[in-house]
Structure formats: C-alpha cells, structure tokens
Amino acid sequence: MTSTNQKQEILKTLSSLDSIQAEKVLDFMKGLKKSNSSERHYETIKRQAMKEISQALKGRQMHSSF
C-alpha cells in the first residue's frame, strides 16, 4: 500500500468516527506530541550534561598530570 493510499484510508476511517471517538483520537495524538517533545527535551538536557561531564573530566586529568 502506498503512502497516499494509507493517508486516504486513515481519512476515511476518521470521517466515520462519531464526535466522542474523534475527541479520543485527538487527545491521543496530542499526548503523542507532548511525549515526543518531552523526549527531545530530555535528550537535549542529557547531551548537554554528558558534554559538561566530559569537559570536567578532561580538566581534572589535565590538573592531575602536573
């Protein structure tokens, strides 16, 4: 199935939902978006922390060699 066909099938399914079901789908999709942004934020913080730890360890090694 091509990407276009998949999109058409999804749209067809969404159009057949009643308002309560559609609201549940929207809530689910909003939750996915929030979790993805949270994960990106976490990864950014983690990357920064690892960089700072690495720099601190390099500085420590330089001082201990003297």
PDB file of N, CA and C in Angstrom:
ATOM      1  N   MET A   1       0.848  -1.167   0.000  1.00  0.00           N
ATOM      2  CA  MET A   1       0.000   0.000   0.000  1.00  0.00           C
ATOM      3  C   MET A   1       0.898   1.236   0.000  1.00  0.00           C
ATOM      4  N   THR A   2       0.591   2.175  -0.870  1.00  0.00           N
ATOM      5  CA  THR A   2       1.405   3.383  -0.939  1.00  0.00           C
ATOM      6  C   THR A   2       1.041   4.353   0.175  1.00  0.00           C
ATOM      7  N   SER A   3       1.897   5.331   0.363  1.00  0.00           N
ATOM      8  CA  SER A   3       1.676   6.331   1.393  1.00  0.00           C
ATOM      9  C   SER A   3       0.381   7.095   1.155  1.00  0.00           C
ATOM     10  N   THR A   4       0.105   7.406  -0.096  1.00  0.00           N
ATOM     11  CA  THR A   4      -1.128   8.129  -0.434  1.00  0.00           C
ATOM     12  C   THR A   4      -2.349   7.284  -0.104  1.00  0.00           C
ATOM     13  N   ASN A   5      -2.307   6.006  -0.417  1.00  0.00           N
ATOM     14  CA  ASN A   5      -3.417   5.115  -0.102  1.00  0.00           C
ATOM     15  C   ASN A   5      -3.621   4.991   1.401  1.00  0.00           C
ATOM     16  N   GLN A   6      -2.530   4.922   2.137  1.00  0.00           N
ATOM     17  CA  GLN A   6      -2.620   4.835   3.586  1.00  0.00           C
ATOM     18  C   GLN A   6      -3.276   6.088   4.155  1.00  0.00           C
ATOM     19  N   LYS A   7      -2.886   7.252   3.645  1.00  0.00           N
ATOM     20  CA  LYS A   7      -3.476   8.502   4.113  1.00  0.00           C
ATOM     21  C   LYS A   7      -4.970   8.550   3.802  1.00  0.00           C
ATOM     22  N   GLN A   8      -5.348   8.100   2.624  1.00  0.00           N
ATOM     23  CA  GLN A   8      -6.762   8.079   2.252  1.00  0.00           C
ATOM     24  C   GLN A   8      -7.554   7.143   3.155  1.00  0.00           C
ATOM     25  N   GLU A   9      -6.987   5.995   3.490  1.00  0.00           N
ATOM     26  CA  GLU A   9      -7.653   5.052   4.381  1.00  0.00           C
ATOM     27  C   GLU A   9      -7.814   5.650   5.780  1.00  0.00           C
ATOM     28  N   ILE A  10      -6.794   6.336   6.249  1.00  0.00           N
ATOM     29  CA  ILE A  10      -6.879   6.975   7.565  1.00  0.00           C
ATOM     30  C   ILE A  10      -7.966   8.039   7.559  1.00  0.00           C
ATOM     31  N   LEU A  11      -7.983   8.876   6.528  1.00  0.00           N
ATOM     32  CA  LEU A  11      -9.007   9.919   6.439  1.00  0.00           C
ATOM     33  C   LEU A  11     -10.409   9.325   6.379  1.00  0.00           C
ATOM     34  N   LYS A  12     -10.564   8.242   5.637  1.00  0.00           N
ATOM     35  CA  LYS A  12     -11.865   7.585   5.531  1.00  0.00           C
ATOM     36  C   LYS A  12     -12.310   7.060   6.900  1.00  0.00           C
ATOM     37  N   THR A  13     -11.371   6.471   7.630  1.00  0.00           N
ATOM     38  CA  THR A  13     -11.676   5.952   8.956  1.00  0.00           C
ATOM     39  C   THR A  13     -12.031   7.083   9.909  1.00  0.00           C
ATOM     40  N   LEU A  14     -11.262   8.165   9.873  1.00  0.00           N
ATOM     41  CA  LEU A  14     -11.531   9.304  10.752  1.00  0.00           C
ATOM     42  C   LEU A  14     -12.885   9.928  10.467  1.00  0.00           C
ATOM     43  N   SER A  15     -13.277   9.986   9.211  1.00  0.00           N
ATOM     44  CA  SER A  15     -14.555  10.604   8.870  1.00  0.00           C
ATOM     45  C   SER A  15     -15.740   9.759   9.346  1.00  0.00           C
ATOM     46  N   SER A  16     -15.500   8.487   9.609  1.00  0.00           N
ATOM     47  CA  SER A  16     -16.585   7.626  10.072  1.00  0.00           C
ATOM     48  C   SER A  16     -16.757   7.633  11.594  1.00  0.00           C
ATOM     49  N   LEU A  17     -15.878   8.338  12.301  1.00  0.00           N
ATOM     50  CA  LEU A  17     -15.957   8.384  13.760  1.00  0.00           C
ATOM     51  C   LEU A  17     -17.050   9.343  14.224  1.00  0.00           C
ATOM     52  N   ASP A  18     -17.651   9.009  15.361  1.00  0.00           N
ATOM     53  CA  ASP A  18     -18.579   9.973  15.959  1.00  0.00           C
ATOM     54  C   ASP A  18     -17.757  10.993  16.748  1.00  0.00           C
ATOM     55  N   SER A  19     -18.395  12.002  17.308  1.00  0.00           N
ATOM     56  CA  SER A  19     -17.665  13.090  17.963  1.00  0.00           C
ATOM     57  C   SER A  19     -16.870  12.624  19.182  1.00  0.00           C
ATOM     58  N   ILE A  20     -17.393  11.690  19.929  1.00  0.00           N
ATOM     59  CA  ILE A  20     -16.683  11.187  21.116  1.00  0.00           C
ATOM     60  C   ILE A  20     -15.427  10.427  20.692  1.00  0.00           C
ATOM     61  N   GLN A  21     -15.564   9.577  19.698  1.00  0.00           N
ATOM     62  CA  GLN A  21     -14.411   8.826  19.205  1.00  0.00           C
ATOM     63  C   GLN A  21     -13.364   9.767  18.620  1.00  0.00           C
ATOM     64  N   ALA A  22     -13.805  10.773  17.866  1.00  0.00           N
ATOM     65  CA  ALA A  22     -12.883  11.735  17.271  1.00  0.00           C
ATOM     66  C   ALA A  22     -12.127  12.490  18.361  1.00  0.00           C
ATOM     67  N   GLU A  23     -12.821  12.852  19.430  1.00  0.00           N
ATOM     68  CA  GLU A  23     -12.181  13.552  20.550  1.00  0.00           C
ATOM     69  C   GLU A  23     -11.114  12.671  21.205  1.00  0.00           C
ATOM     70  N   LYS A  24     -11.400  11.383  21.341  1.00  0.00           N
ATOM     71  CA  LYS A  24     -10.428  10.453  21.922  1.00  0.00           C
ATOM     72  C   LYS A  24      -9.186  10.347  21.039  1.00  0.00           C
ATOM     73  N   VAL A  25      -9.385  10.314  19.728  1.00  0.00           N
ATOM     74  CA  VAL A  25      -8.260  10.241  18.796  1.00  0.00           C
ATOM     75  C   VAL A  25      -7.414  11.506  18.907  1.00  0.00           C
ATOM     76  N   LEU A  26      -8.072  12.669  18.960  1.00  0.00           N
ATOM     77  CA  LEU A  26      -7.347  13.928  19.087  1.00  0.00           C
ATOM     78  C   LEU A  26      -6.558  13.987  20.388  1.00  0.00           C
ATOM     79  N   ASP A  27      -7.159  13.547  21.481  1.00  0.00           N
ATOM     80  CA  ASP A  27      -6.459  13.526  22.770  1.00  0.00           C
ATOM     81  C   ASP A  27      -5.233  12.619  22.713  1.00  0.00           C
ATOM     82  N   PHE A  28      -5.401  11.467  22.070  1.00  0.00           N
ATOM     83  CA  PHE A  28      -4.292  10.529  21.917  1.00  0.00           C
ATOM     84  C   PHE A  28      -3.158  11.167  21.118  1.00  0.00           C
ATOM     85  N   MET A  29      -3.504  11.836  20.022  1.00  0.00           N
ATOM     86  CA  MET A  29      -2.500  12.468  19.172  1.00  0.00           C
ATOM     87  C   MET A  29      -1.799  13.611  19.904  1.00  0.00           C
ATOM     88  N   LYS A  30      -2.540  14.367  20.692  1.00  0.00           N
ATOM     89  CA  LYS A  30      -1.932  15.439  21.487  1.00  0.00           C
ATOM     90  C   LYS A  30      -0.952  14.855  22.497  1.00  0.00           C
ATOM     91  N   GLY A  31      -1.320  13.738  23.093  1.00  0.00           N
ATOM     92  CA  GLY A  31      -0.436  13.067  24.039  1.00  0.00           C
ATOM     93  C   GLY A  31       0.860  12.610  23.385  1.00  0.00           C
ATOM     94  N   LEU A  32       0.754  12.116  22.148  1.00  0.00           N
ATOM     95  CA  LEU A  32       1.954  11.708  21.419  1.00  0.00           C
ATOM     96  C   LEU A  32       2.873  12.892  21.171  1.00  0.00           C
ATOM     97  N   LYS A  33       2.276  13.992  20.807  1.00  0.00           N
ATOM     98  CA  LYS A  33       3.066  15.189  20.529  1.00  0.00           C
ATOM     99  C   LYS A  33       3.792  15.652  21.783  1.00  0.00           C
ATOM    100  N   LYS A  34       3.104  15.648  22.913  1.00  0.00           N
ATOM    101  CA  LYS A  34       3.723  16.068  24.169  1.00  0.00           C
ATOM    102  C   LYS A  34       4.857  15.134  24.555  1.00  0.00           C
ATOM    103  N   SER A  35       4.640  13.831  24.409  1.00  0.00           N
ATOM    104  CA  SER A  35       5.686  12.886  24.805  1.00  0.00           C
ATOM    105  C   SER A  35       6.901  13.020  23.897  1.00  0.00           C
ATOM    106  N   ASN A  36       6.686  13.288  22.615  1.00  0.00           N
ATOM    107  CA  ASN A  36       7.819  13.457  21.706  1.00  0.00           C
ATOM    108  C   ASN A  36       8.618  14.694  22.063  1.00  0.00           C
ATOM    109  N   SER A  37       7.941  15.791  22.386  1.00  0.00           N
ATOM    110  CA  SER A  37       8.671  16.996  22.739  1.00  0.00           C
ATOM    111  C   SER A  37       9.388  16.808  24.070  1.00  0.00           C
ATOM    112  N   SER A  38       8.786  16.071  24.994  1.00  0.00           N
ATOM    113  CA  SER A  38       9.433  15.791  26.270  1.00  0.00           C
ATOM    114  C   SER A  38      10.690  14.953  26.066  1.00  0.00           C
ATOM    115  N   GLU A  39      10.606  13.976  25.174  1.00  0.00           N
ATOM    116  CA  GLU A  39      11.760  13.129  24.890  1.00  0.00           C
ATOM    117  C   GLU A  39      12.885  13.930  24.256  1.00  0.00           C
ATOM    118  N   ARG A  40      12.533  14.832  23.338  1.00  0.00           N
ATOM    119  CA  ARG A  40      13.552  15.671  22.702  1.00  0.00           C
ATOM    120  C   ARG A  40      14.209  16.563  23.746  1.00  0.00           C
ATOM    121  N   HIS A  41      13.396  17.135  24.629  1.00  0.00           N
ATOM    122  CA  HIS A  41      13.926  17.996  25.686  1.00  0.00           C
ATOM    123  C   HIS A  41      14.860  17.187  26.591  1.00  0.00           C
ATOM    124  N   TYR A  42      14.447  16.002  26.960  1.00  0.00           N
ATOM    125  CA  TYR A  42      15.270  15.123  27.796  1.00  0.00           C
ATOM    126  C   TYR A  42      16.590  14.808  27.104  1.00  0.00           C
ATOM    127  N   GLU A  43      16.538  14.475  25.824  1.00  0.00           N
ATOM    128  CA  GLU A  43      17.754  14.143  25.086  1.00  0.00           C
ATOM    129  C   GLU A  43      18.686  15.344  25.003  1.00  0.00           C
ATOM    130  N   THR A  44      18.133  16.535  24.835  1.00  0.00           N
ATOM    131  CA  THR A  44      18.949  17.745  24.786  1.00  0.00           C
ATOM    132  C   THR A  44      19.648  17.971  26.117  1.00  0.00           C
ATOM    133  N   ILE A  45      18.916  17.846  27.204  1.00  0.00           N
ATOM    134  CA  ILE A  45      19.496  18.024  28.534  1.00  0.00           C
ATOM    135  C   ILE A  45      20.549  16.960  28.809  1.00  0.00           C
ATOM    136  N   LYS A  46      20.260  15.730  28.440  1.00  0.00           N
ATOM    137  CA  LYS A  46      21.197  14.625  28.649  1.00  0.00           C
ATOM    138  C   LYS A  46      22.492  14.874  27.867  1.00  0.00           C
ATOM    139  N   ARG A  47      22.356  15.292  26.612  1.00  0.00           N
ATOM    140  CA  ARG A  47      23.520  15.552  25.777  1.00  0.00           C
ATOM    141  C   ARG A  47      24.387  16.664  26.392  1.00  0.00           C
ATOM    142  N   GLN A  48      23.729  17.729  26.867  1.00  0.00           N
ATOM    143  CA  GLN A  48      24.447  18.832  27.485  1.00  0.00           C
ATOM    144  C   GLN A  48      25.167  18.375  28.763  1.00  0.00           C
ATOM    145  N   ALA A  49      24.481  17.569  29.561  1.00  0.00           N
ATOM    146  CA  ALA A  49      25.086  17.070  30.799  1.00  0.00           C
ATOM    147  C   ALA A  49      26.303  16.203  30.500  1.00  0.00           C
ATOM    148  N   MET A  50      26.195  15.335  29.515  1.00  0.00           N
ATOM    149  CA  MET A  50      27.312  14.469  29.157  1.00  0.00           C
ATOM    150  C   MET A  50      28.498  15.296  28.662  1.00  0.00           C
ATOM    151  N   LYS A  51      28.208  16.351  27.922  1.00  0.00           N
ATOM    152  CA  LYS A  51      29.260  17.240  27.425  1.00  0.00           C
ATOM    153  C   LYS A  51      29.972  17.916  28.597  1.00  0.00           C
ATOM    154  N   GLU A  52      29.207  18.407  29.557  1.00  0.00           N
ATOM    155  CA  GLU A  52      29.789  19.073  30.718  1.00  0.00           C
ATOM    156  C   GLU A  52      30.603  18.101  31.568  1.00  0.00           C
ATOM    157  N   ILE A  53      30.108  16.886  31.732  1.00  0.00           N
ATOM    158  CA  ILE A  53      30.846  15.869  32.489  1.00  0.00           C
ATOM    159  C   ILE A  53      32.167  15.560  31.795  1.00  0.00           C
ATOM    160  N   SER A  54      32.116  15.418  30.485  1.00  0.00           N
ATOM    161  CA  SER A  54      33.319  15.128  29.711  1.00  0.00           C
ATOM    162  C   SER A  54      34.340  16.249  29.858  1.00  0.00           C
ATOM    163  N   GLN A  55      33.871  17.492  29.773  1.00  0.00           N
ATOM    164  CA  GLN A  55      34.782  18.630  29.923  1.00  0.00           C
ATOM    165  C   GLN A  55      35.380  18.669  31.325  1.00  0.00           C
ATOM    166  N   ALA A  56      34.578  18.380  32.330  1.00  0.00           N
ATOM    167  CA  ALA A  56      35.068  18.385  33.707  1.00  0.00           C
ATOM    168  C   ALA A  56      36.118  17.301  33.907  1.00  0.00           C
ATOM    169  N   LEU A  57      35.881  16.134  33.339  1.00  0.00           N
ATOM    170  CA  LEU A  57      36.847  15.045  33.470  1.00  0.00           C
ATOM    171  C   LEU A  57      38.142  15.363  32.747  1.00  0.00           C
ATOM    172  N   LYS A  58      38.065  15.993  31.591  1.00  0.00           N
ATOM    173  CA  LYS A  58      39.274  16.381  30.867  1.00  0.00           C
ATOM    174  C   LYS A  58      40.058  17.404  31.672  1.00  0.00           C
ATOM    175  N   GLY A  59      39.361  18.364  32.267  1.00  0.00           N
ATOM    176  CA  GLY A  59      40.021  19.369  33.097  1.00  0.00           C
ATOM    177  C   GLY A  59      40.677  18.736  34.307  1.00  0.00           C
ATOM    178  N   ARG A  60      40.038  17.766  34.879  1.00  0.00           N
ATOM    179  CA  ARG A  60      40.574  17.069  36.054  1.00  0.00           C
ATOM    180  C   ARG A  60      41.836  16.296  35.688  1.00  0.00           C
ATOM    181  N   GLN A  61      41.837  15.655  34.516  1.00  0.00           N
ATOM    182  CA  GLN A  61      43.003  14.890  34.070  1.00  0.00           C
ATOM    183  C   GLN A  61      44.179  15.824  33.822  1.00  0.00           C
ATOM    184  N   MET A  62      43.926  17.004  33.283  1.00  0.00           N
ATOM    185  CA  MET A  62      44.993  17.961  32.999  1.00  0.00           C
ATOM    186  C   MET A  62      45.626  18.430  34.318  1.00  0.00           C
ATOM    187  N   HIS A  63      44.795  18.687  35.332  1.00  0.00           N
ATOM    188  CA  HIS A  63      45.315  19.170  36.610  1.00  0.00           C
ATOM    189  C   HIS A  63      46.083  18.070  37.348  1.00  0.00           C
ATOM    190  N   SER A  64      45.661  16.835  37.225  1.00  0.00           N
ATOM    191  CA  SER A  64      46.312  15.748  37.961  1.00  0.00           C
ATOM    192  C   SER A  64      47.637  15.335  37.331  1.00  0.00           C
ATOM    193  N   SER A  65      47.878  15.695  36.073  1.00  0.00           N
ATOM    194  CA  SER A  65      49.105  15.304  35.425  1.00  0.00           C
ATOM    195  C   SER A  65      50.287  16.198  35.806  1.00  0.00           C
ATOM    196  N   PHE A  66      50.014  17.333  36.412  1.00  0.00           N
ATOM    197  CA  PHE A  66      51.096  18.237  36.810  1.00  0.00           C
ATOM    198  C   PHE A  66      51.660  17.876  38.115  1.00  0.00           C
TER     199      PHE A  66
END
